[in-house]
PDB file of all heavy atoms in Angstrom:
ATOM      1  N   ASP A   1      -3.760  21.647 -31.284  1.00  0.00           N
ATOM      2  CA  ASP A   1      -5.093  21.208 -30.848  1.00  0.00           C
ATOM      3  C   ASP A   1      -5.129  19.782 -30.318  1.00  0.00           C
ATOM      4  O   ASP A   1      -5.743  19.534 -29.270  1.00  0.00           O
ATOM      5  CB  ASP A   1      -6.093  21.390 -31.991  1.00  0.00           C
ATOM      6  CG  ASP A   1      -6.422  22.854 -32.245  1.00  0.00           C
ATOM      7  OD1 ASP A   1      -6.197  23.676 -31.327  1.00  0.00           O
ATOM      8  OD2 ASP A   1      -6.898  23.184 -33.350  1.00  0.00           O
ATOM      9  N   PRO A   2      -4.528  18.788 -30.991  1.00  0.00           N
ATOM     10  CA  PRO A   2      -4.569  17.429 -30.422  1.00  0.00           C
ATOM     11  C   PRO A   2      -3.933  17.349 -29.037  1.00  0.00           C
ATOM     12  O   PRO A   2      -4.459  16.676 -28.145  1.00  0.00           O
ATOM     13  CB  PRO A   2      -3.790  16.597 -31.451  1.00  0.00           C
ATOM     14  CG  PRO A   2      -3.935  17.345 -32.730  1.00  0.00           C
ATOM     15  CD  PRO A   2      -3.917  18.791 -32.337  1.00  0.00           C
ATOM     16  N   PHE A   3      -2.802  18.043 -28.844  1.00  0.00           N
ATOM     17  CA  PHE A   3      -2.163  18.013 -27.532  1.00  0.00           C
ATOM     18  C   PHE A   3      -3.017  18.727 -26.493  1.00  0.00           C
ATOM     19  O   PHE A   3      -3.214  18.216 -25.377  1.00  0.00           O
ATOM     20  CB  PHE A   3      -0.777  18.649 -27.586  1.00  0.00           C
ATOM     21  CG  PHE A   3      -0.115  18.720 -26.233  1.00  0.00           C
ATOM     22  CD1 PHE A   3       0.434  17.591 -25.658  1.00  0.00           C
ATOM     23  CD2 PHE A   3      -0.069  19.915 -25.529  1.00  0.00           C
ATOM     24  CE1 PHE A   3       1.027  17.643 -24.399  1.00  0.00           C
ATOM     25  CE2 PHE A   3       0.523  19.976 -24.275  1.00  0.00           C
ATOM     26  CZ  PHE A   3       1.074  18.845 -23.711  1.00  0.00           C
ATOM     27  N   LYS A   4      -3.524  19.892 -26.828  1.00  0.00           N
ATOM     28  CA  LYS A   4      -4.316  20.656 -25.861  1.00  0.00           C
ATOM     29  C   LYS A   4      -5.563  19.888 -25.448  1.00  0.00           C
ATOM     30  O   LYS A   4      -5.975  19.927 -24.278  1.00  0.00           O
ATOM     31  CB  LYS A   4      -4.679  22.027 -26.442  1.00  0.00           C
ATOM     32  CG  LYS A   4      -3.487  22.966 -26.594  1.00  0.00           C
ATOM     33  CD  LYS A   4      -3.897  24.391 -26.917  1.00  0.00           C
ATOM     34  CE  LYS A   4      -4.592  24.531 -28.229  1.00  0.00           C
ATOM     35  NZ  LYS A   4      -4.898  25.935 -28.575  1.00  0.00           N
ATOM     36  N   ALA A   5      -6.168  19.166 -26.391  1.00  0.00           N
ATOM     37  CA  ALA A   5      -7.372  18.394 -26.058  1.00  0.00           C
ATOM     38  C   ALA A   5      -7.057  17.321 -25.024  1.00  0.00           C
ATOM     39  O   ALA A   5      -7.812  17.124 -24.058  1.00  0.00           O
ATOM     40  CB  ALA A   5      -7.954  17.768 -27.325  1.00  0.00           C
ATOM     41  N   GLU A   6      -5.931  16.607 -25.214  1.00  0.00           N
ATOM     42  CA  GLU A   6      -5.571  15.544 -24.275  1.00  0.00           C
ATOM     43  C   GLU A   6      -5.118  16.122 -22.937  1.00  0.00           C
ATOM     44  O   GLU A   6      -5.466  15.593 -21.877  1.00  0.00           O
ATOM     45  CB  GLU A   6      -4.463  14.668 -24.878  1.00  0.00           C
ATOM     46  CG  GLU A   6      -4.909  13.823 -26.044  1.00  0.00           C
ATOM     47  CD  GLU A   6      -5.981  12.815 -25.660  1.00  0.00           C
ATOM     48  OE1 GLU A   6      -5.968  12.319 -24.518  1.00  0.00           O
ATOM     49  OE2 GLU A   6      -6.837  12.514 -26.514  1.00  0.00           O
ATOM     50  N   MET A   7      -4.358  17.205 -22.984  1.00  0.00           N
ATOM     51  CA  MET A   7      -3.908  17.836 -21.742  1.00  0.00           C
ATOM     52  C   MET A   7      -5.091  18.319 -20.922  1.00  0.00           C
ATOM     53  O   MET A   7      -5.153  18.118 -19.701  1.00  0.00           O
ATOM     54  CB  MET A   7      -2.968  18.996 -22.042  1.00  0.00           C
ATOM     55  CG  MET A   7      -2.540  19.766 -20.795  1.00  0.00           C
ATOM     56  SD  MET A   7      -1.654  21.280 -21.198  1.00  0.00           S
ATOM     57  CE  MET A   7      -1.479  22.020 -19.581  1.00  0.00           C
ATOM     58  N   GLN A   8      -6.045  18.966 -21.574  1.00  0.00           N
ATOM     59  CA  GLN A   8      -7.211  19.481 -20.864  1.00  0.00           C
ATOM     60  C   GLN A   8      -8.045  18.350 -20.295  1.00  0.00           C
ATOM     61  O   GLN A   8      -8.520  18.430 -19.155  1.00  0.00           O
ATOM     62  CB  GLN A   8      -8.061  20.349 -21.789  1.00  0.00           C
ATOM     63  CG  GLN A   8      -9.277  20.954 -21.090  1.00  0.00           C
ATOM     64  CD  GLN A   8      -9.972  22.009 -21.938  1.00  0.00           C
ATOM     65  OE1 GLN A   8      -9.532  22.338 -23.030  1.00  0.00           O
ATOM     66  NE2 GLN A   8     -11.064  22.548 -21.433  1.00  0.00           N
ATOM     67  N   ARG A   9      -8.202  17.283 -21.079  1.00  0.00           N
ATOM     68  CA  ARG A   9      -9.005  16.145 -20.602  1.00  0.00           C
ATOM     69  C   ARG A   9      -8.415  15.571 -19.315  1.00  0.00           C
ATOM     70  O   ARG A   9      -9.144  15.342 -18.339  1.00  0.00           O
ATOM     71  CB  ARG A   9      -9.056  15.064 -21.684  1.00  0.00           C
ATOM     72  CG  ARG A   9      -9.804  13.806 -21.271  1.00  0.00           C
ATOM     73  CD  ARG A   9      -9.699  12.728 -22.341  1.00  0.00           C
ATOM     74  NE  ARG A   9      -8.321  12.344 -22.602  1.00  0.00           N
ATOM     75  CZ  ARG A   9      -7.657  11.453 -21.854  1.00  0.00           C
ATOM     76  NH1 ARG A   9      -8.244  10.876 -20.801  1.00  0.00           N
ATOM     77  NH2 ARG A   9      -6.415  11.140 -22.141  1.00  0.00           N
ATOM     78  N   PHE A  10      -7.089  15.360 -19.286  1.00  0.00           N
ATOM     79  CA  PHE A  10      -6.481  14.777 -18.096  1.00  0.00           C
ATOM     80  C   PHE A  10      -6.505  15.749 -16.924  1.00  0.00           C
ATOM     81  O   PHE A  10      -6.811  15.362 -15.789  1.00  0.00           O
ATOM     82  CB  PHE A  10      -5.044  14.346 -18.391  1.00  0.00           C
ATOM     83  CG  PHE A  10      -4.367  13.705 -17.210  1.00  0.00           C
ATOM     84  CD1 PHE A  10      -4.677  12.400 -16.853  1.00  0.00           C
ATOM     85  CD2 PHE A  10      -3.457  14.407 -16.437  1.00  0.00           C
ATOM     86  CE1 PHE A  10      -4.069  11.806 -15.750  1.00  0.00           C
ATOM     87  CE2 PHE A  10      -2.849  13.828 -15.341  1.00  0.00           C
ATOM     88  CZ  PHE A  10      -3.156  12.519 -14.994  1.00  0.00           C
ATOM     89  N   THR A  11      -6.199  17.017 -17.184  1.00  0.00           N
ATOM     90  CA  THR A  11      -6.211  18.019 -16.112  1.00  0.00           C
ATOM     91  C   THR A  11      -7.592  18.128 -15.489  1.00  0.00           C
ATOM     92  O   THR A  11      -7.738  18.151 -14.253  1.00  0.00           O
ATOM     93  CB  THR A  11      -5.753  19.386 -16.647  1.00  0.00           C
ATOM     94  OG1 THR A  11      -4.443  19.264 -17.215  1.00  0.00           O
ATOM     95  CG2 THR A  11      -5.718  20.426 -15.538  1.00  0.00           C
ATOM     96  N   GLU A  12      -8.620  18.193 -16.318  1.00  0.00           N
ATOM     97  CA  GLU A  12      -9.993  18.274 -15.808  1.00  0.00           C
ATOM     98  C   GLU A  12     -10.350  17.031 -15.007  1.00  0.00           C
ATOM     99  O   GLU A  12     -11.027  17.121 -13.971  1.00  0.00           O
ATOM    100  CB  GLU A  12     -10.973  18.463 -16.960  1.00  0.00           C
ATOM    101  CG  GLU A  12     -10.934  19.850 -17.586  1.00  0.00           C
ATOM    102  CD  GLU A  12     -11.938  19.989 -18.724  1.00  0.00           C
ATOM    103  OE1 GLU A  12     -12.448  18.953 -19.213  1.00  0.00           O
ATOM    104  OE2 GLU A  12     -12.200  21.148 -19.130  1.00  0.00           O
ATOM    105  N   MET A  13      -9.892  15.870 -15.474  1.00  0.00           N
ATOM    106  CA  MET A  13     -10.191  14.639 -14.756  1.00  0.00           C
ATOM    107  C   MET A  13      -9.598  14.664 -13.350  1.00  0.00           C
ATOM    108  O   MET A  13     -10.258  14.291 -12.367  1.00  0.00           O
ATOM    109  CB  MET A  13      -9.659  13.428 -15.519  1.00  0.00           C
ATOM    110  CG  MET A  13     -10.005  12.096 -14.859  1.00  0.00           C
ATOM    111  SD  MET A  13      -9.252  10.686 -15.694  1.00  0.00           S
ATOM    112  CE  MET A  13      -7.541  10.931 -15.253  1.00  0.00           C
ATOM    113  N   ILE A  14      -8.342  15.114 -13.225  1.00  0.00           N
ATOM    114  CA  ILE A  14      -7.704  15.168 -11.909  1.00  0.00           C
ATOM    115  C   ILE A  14      -8.406  16.187 -11.017  1.00  0.00           C
ATOM    116  O   ILE A  14      -8.697  15.919  -9.836  1.00  0.00           O
ATOM    117  CB  ILE A  14      -6.207  15.495 -12.054  1.00  0.00           C
ATOM    118  CG1 ILE A  14      -5.477  14.359 -12.780  1.00  0.00           C
ATOM    119  CG2 ILE A  14      -5.583  15.755 -10.693  1.00  0.00           C
ATOM    120  CD1 ILE A  14      -5.529  13.028 -12.068  1.00  0.00           C
ATOM    121  N   VAL A  15      -8.701  17.369 -11.564  1.00  0.00           N
ATOM    122  CA  VAL A  15      -9.388  18.397 -10.766  1.00  0.00           C
ATOM    123  C   VAL A  15     -10.748  17.885 -10.307  1.00  0.00           C
ATOM    124  O   VAL A  15     -11.132  18.045  -9.134  1.00  0.00           O
ATOM    125  CB  VAL A  15      -9.525  19.705 -11.562  1.00  0.00           C
ATOM    126  CG1 VAL A  15     -10.495  20.661 -10.867  1.00  0.00           C
ATOM    127  CG2 VAL A  15      -8.163  20.370 -11.727  1.00  0.00           C
ATOM    128  N   ASN A  16     -11.499  17.254 -11.193  1.00  0.00           N
ATOM    129  CA  ASN A  16     -12.823  16.738 -10.816  1.00  0.00           C
ATOM    130  C   ASN A  16     -12.713  15.621  -9.789  1.00  0.00           C
ATOM    131  O   ASN A  16     -13.571  15.490  -8.906  1.00  0.00           O
ATOM    132  CB  ASN A  16     -13.563  16.255 -12.058  1.00  0.00           C
ATOM    133  CG  ASN A  16     -14.005  17.403 -12.954  1.00  0.00           C
ATOM    134  OD1 ASN A  16     -14.178  18.524 -12.487  1.00  0.00           O
ATOM    135  ND2 ASN A  16     -14.170  17.131 -14.238  1.00  0.00           N
ATOM    136  N   MET A  17     -11.670  14.812  -9.881  1.00  0.00           N
ATOM    137  CA  MET A  17     -11.446  13.763  -8.887  1.00  0.00           C
ATOM    138  C   MET A  17     -11.187  14.386  -7.515  1.00  0.00           C
ATOM    139  O   MET A  17     -11.701  13.912  -6.487  1.00  0.00           O
ATOM    140  CB  MET A  17     -10.274  12.886  -9.308  1.00  0.00           C
ATOM    141  CG  MET A  17      -9.952  11.755  -8.336  1.00  0.00           C
ATOM    142  SD  MET A  17      -8.532  10.777  -8.878  1.00  0.00           S
ATOM    143  CE  MET A  17      -9.230  10.006 -10.342  1.00  0.00           C
ATOM    144  N   MET A  18     -10.389  15.442  -7.490  1.00  0.00           N
ATOM    145  CA  MET A  18     -10.118  16.118  -6.228  1.00  0.00           C
ATOM    146  C   MET A  18     -11.402  16.750  -5.668  1.00  0.00           C
ATOM    147  O   MET A  18     -11.674  16.669  -4.468  1.00  0.00           O
ATOM    148  CB  MET A  18      -9.045  17.196  -6.408  1.00  0.00           C
ATOM    149  CG  MET A  18      -7.688  16.689  -6.906  1.00  0.00           C
ATOM    150  SD  MET A  18      -6.909  15.449  -5.833  1.00  0.00           S
ATOM    151  CE  MET A  18      -7.252  13.930  -6.754  1.00  0.00           C
ATOM    152  N   LYS A  19     -12.184  17.348  -6.544  1.00  0.00           N
ATOM    153  CA  LYS A  19     -13.439  17.966  -6.092  1.00  0.00           C
ATOM    154  C   LYS A  19     -14.405  16.926  -5.567  1.00  0.00           C
ATOM    155  O   LYS A  19     -15.051  17.124  -4.520  1.00  0.00           O
ATOM    156  CB  LYS A  19     -14.082  18.742  -7.247  1.00  0.00           C
ATOM    157  CG  LYS A  19     -13.399  20.050  -7.604  1.00  0.00           C
ATOM    158  CD  LYS A  19     -14.143  20.753  -8.740  1.00  0.00           C
ATOM    159  CE  LYS A  19     -13.522  22.097  -9.088  1.00  0.00           C
ATOM    160  NZ  LYS A  19     -14.240  22.768 -10.206  1.00  0.00           N
ATOM    161  N   SER A  20     -14.529  15.807  -6.264  1.00  0.00           N
ATOM    162  CA  SER A  20     -15.500  14.792  -5.845  1.00  0.00           C
ATOM    163  C   SER A  20     -15.127  14.175  -4.512  1.00  0.00           C
ATOM    164  O   SER A  20     -15.994  13.675  -3.783  1.00  0.00           O
ATOM    165  CB  SER A  20     -15.625  13.703  -6.921  1.00  0.00           C
ATOM    166  OG  SER A  20     -14.410  12.979  -7.046  1.00  0.00           O
ATOM    167  N   ASN A  21     -13.833  14.202  -4.186  1.00  0.00           N
ATOM    168  CA  ASN A  21     -13.384  13.696  -2.885  1.00  0.00           C
ATOM    169  C   ASN A  21     -13.222  14.811  -1.852  1.00  0.00           C
ATOM    170  O   ASN A  21     -12.695  14.568  -0.768  1.00  0.00           O
ATOM    171  CB  ASN A  21     -12.061  12.947  -3.052  1.00  0.00           C
ATOM    172  CG  ASN A  21     -12.234  11.578  -3.666  1.00  0.00           C
ATOM    173  OD1 ASN A  21     -12.547  10.613  -2.969  1.00  0.00           O
ATOM    174  ND2 ASN A  21     -12.048  11.487  -4.980  1.00  0.00           N
ATOM    175  N   LYS A  22     -13.680  16.044  -2.232  1.00  0.00           N
ATOM    176  CA  LYS A  22     -13.639  17.192  -1.326  1.00  0.00           C
ATOM    177  C   LYS A  22     -12.234  17.424  -0.766  1.00  0.00           C
ATOM    178  O   LYS A  22     -12.033  17.570   0.439  1.00  0.00           O
ATOM    179  CB  LYS A  22     -14.657  17.026  -0.192  1.00  0.00           C
ATOM    180  CG  LYS A  22     -16.102  17.023  -0.675  1.00  0.00           C
ATOM    181  CD  LYS A  22     -17.079  16.878   0.464  1.00  0.00           C
ATOM    182  CE  LYS A  22     -18.510  17.155   0.061  1.00  0.00           C
ATOM    183  NZ  LYS A  22     -18.927  16.677  -1.259  1.00  0.00           N
ATOM    184  N   LEU A  23     -11.268  17.500  -1.669  1.00  0.00           N
ATOM    185  CA  LEU A  23      -9.878  17.608  -1.254  1.00  0.00           C
ATOM    186  C   LEU A  23      -9.286  19.005  -1.404  1.00  0.00           C
ATOM    187  O   LEU A  23      -8.167  19.252  -0.938  1.00  0.00           O
ATOM    188  CB  LEU A  23      -9.023  16.592  -2.028  1.00  0.00           C
ATOM    189  CG  LEU A  23      -9.331  15.123  -1.714  1.00  0.00           C
ATOM    190  CD1 LEU A  23      -8.499  14.199  -2.576  1.00  0.00           C
ATOM    191  CD2 LEU A  23      -9.122  14.817  -0.231  1.00  0.00           C
ATOM    192  N   PHE A  24      -9.998  19.920  -2.062  1.00  0.00           N
ATOM    193  CA  PHE A  24      -9.520  21.300  -2.091  1.00  0.00           C
ATOM    194  C   PHE A  24      -9.861  21.985  -0.774  1.00  0.00           C
ATOM    195  O   PHE A  24     -10.893  21.697  -0.150  1.00  0.00           O
ATOM    196  CB  PHE A  24     -10.120  22.058  -3.271  1.00  0.00           C
ATOM    197  CG  PHE A  24      -9.550  21.659  -4.605  1.00  0.00           C
ATOM    198  CD1 PHE A  24     -10.288  20.923  -5.508  1.00  0.00           C
ATOM    199  CD2 PHE A  24      -8.247  22.016  -4.943  1.00  0.00           C
ATOM    200  CE1 PHE A  24      -9.759  20.538  -6.737  1.00  0.00           C
ATOM    201  CE2 PHE A  24      -7.708  21.648  -6.167  1.00  0.00           C
ATOM    202  CZ  PHE A  24      -8.458  20.901  -7.062  1.00  0.00           C
ATOM    203  N   GLU A  25      -9.024  22.884  -0.345  1.00  0.00           N
ATOM    204  CA  GLU A  25      -9.170  23.485   0.987  1.00  0.00           C
ATOM    205  C   GLU A  25     -10.527  24.159   1.196  1.00  0.00           C
ATOM    206  O   GLU A  25     -11.108  24.003   2.288  1.00  0.00           O
ATOM    207  CB  GLU A  25      -8.021  24.480   1.224  1.00  0.00           C
ATOM    208  CG  GLU A  25      -7.649  24.657   2.688  1.00  0.00           C
ATOM    209  CD  GLU A  25      -8.535  25.668   3.392  1.00  0.00           C
ATOM    210  OE1 GLU A  25      -9.230  26.423   2.688  1.00  0.00           O
ATOM    211  OE2 GLU A  25      -8.519  25.701   4.633  1.00  0.00           O
ATOM    212  N   PRO A  26     -11.092  24.870   0.224  1.00  0.00           N
ATOM    213  CA  PRO A  26     -12.422  25.455   0.457  1.00  0.00           C
ATOM    214  C   PRO A  26     -13.514  24.409   0.693  1.00  0.00           C
ATOM    215  O   PRO A  26     -14.577  24.731   1.206  1.00  0.00           O
ATOM    216  CB  PRO A  26     -12.684  26.239  -0.837  1.00  0.00           C
ATOM    217  CG  PRO A  26     -11.331  26.583  -1.343  1.00  0.00           C
ATOM    218  CD  PRO A  26     -10.497  25.388  -1.027  1.00  0.00           C
ATOM    219  N   GLN A  27     -13.237  23.150   0.330  1.00  0.00           N
ATOM    220  CA  GLN A  27     -14.176  22.058   0.591  1.00  0.00           C
ATOM    221  C   GLN A  27     -13.889  21.362   1.919  1.00  0.00           C
ATOM    222  O   GLN A  27     -14.558  20.394   2.265  1.00  0.00           O
ATOM    223  CB  GLN A  27     -14.084  21.014  -0.521  1.00  0.00           C
ATOM    224  CG  GLN A  27     -14.411  21.504  -1.913  1.00  0.00           C
ATOM    225  CD  GLN A  27     -14.158  20.433  -2.951  1.00  0.00           C
ATOM    226  OE1 GLN A  27     -13.025  20.044  -3.215  1.00  0.00           O
ATOM    227  NE2 GLN A  27     -15.234  19.916  -3.521  1.00  0.00           N
ATOM    228  N   GLY A  28     -12.884  21.844   2.621  1.00  0.00           N
ATOM    229  CA  GLY A  28     -12.461  21.173   3.848  1.00  0.00           C
ATOM    230  C   GLY A  28     -11.295  20.225   3.642  1.00  0.00           C
ATOM    231  O   GLY A  28     -10.922  19.496   4.559  1.00  0.00           O
ATOM    232  N   GLY A  29     -10.713  20.226   2.446  1.00  0.00           N
ATOM    233  CA  GLY A  29      -9.592  19.346   2.150  1.00  0.00           C
ATOM    234  C   GLY A  29      -8.257  20.011   2.370  1.00  0.00           C
ATOM    235  O   GLY A  29      -8.169  21.175   2.784  1.00  0.00           O
ATOM    236  N   PRO A  30      -7.152  19.310   2.059  1.00  0.00           N
ATOM    237  CA  PRO A  30      -5.813  19.838   2.354  1.00  0.00           C
ATOM    238  C   PRO A  30      -5.158  20.585   1.196  1.00  0.00           C
ATOM    239  O   PRO A  30      -4.110  21.202   1.397  1.00  0.00           O
ATOM    240  CB  PRO A  30      -5.011  18.567   2.669  1.00  0.00           C
ATOM    241  CG  PRO A  30      -5.637  17.522   1.796  1.00  0.00           C
ATOM    242  CD  PRO A  30      -7.114  17.874   1.715  1.00  0.00           C
ATOM    243  N   ILE A  31      -5.699  20.534  -0.021  1.00  0.00           N
ATOM    244  CA  ILE A  31      -5.012  21.129  -1.171  1.00  0.00           C
ATOM    245  C   ILE A  31      -5.175  22.640  -1.135  1.00  0.00           C
ATOM    246  O   ILE A  31      -6.287  23.162  -1.245  1.00  0.00           O
ATOM    247  CB  ILE A  31      -5.552  20.576  -2.503  1.00  0.00           C
ATOM    248  CG1 ILE A  31      -5.399  19.059  -2.567  1.00  0.00           C
ATOM    249  CG2 ILE A  31      -4.813  21.225  -3.679  1.00  0.00           C
ATOM    250  CD1 ILE A  31      -6.046  18.426  -3.781  1.00  0.00           C
ATOM    251  N   ILE A  32      -4.063  23.346  -0.987  1.00  0.00           N
ATOM    252  CA  ILE A  32      -4.113  24.811  -0.901  1.00  0.00           C
ATOM    253  C   ILE A  32      -3.571  25.496  -2.150  1.00  0.00           C
ATOM    254  O   ILE A  32      -3.727  26.704  -2.302  1.00  0.00           O
ATOM    255  CB  ILE A  32      -3.344  25.334   0.325  1.00  0.00           C
ATOM    256  CG1 ILE A  32      -1.884  24.886   0.286  1.00  0.00           C
ATOM    257  CG2 ILE A  32      -4.028  24.901   1.617  1.00  0.00           C
ATOM    258  CD1 ILE A  32      -0.999  25.575   1.303  1.00  0.00           C
ATOM    259  N   MET A  33      -2.930  24.724  -3.037  1.00  0.00           N
ATOM    260  CA  MET A  33      -2.376  25.288  -4.268  1.00  0.00           C
ATOM    261  C   MET A  33      -2.315  24.202  -5.326  1.00  0.00           C
ATOM    262  O   MET A  33      -2.192  23.011  -4.999  1.00  0.00           O
ATOM    263  CB  MET A  33      -0.950  25.805  -4.043  1.00  0.00           C
ATOM    264  CG  MET A  33      -0.838  27.181  -3.455  1.00  0.00           C
ATOM    265  SD  MET A  33       0.900  27.670  -3.328  1.00  0.00           S
ATOM    266  CE  MET A  33       1.444  26.632  -1.978  1.00  0.00           C
TER     267      MET A  33
END
């Protein structure tokens, strides 16, 4: 649980950063995978 909590927190932070900058391809960004 302690590891999963920290892993999820960082992963979510990176994904949300990419979303907020519209970097995933469905948002018009370059990230396809």
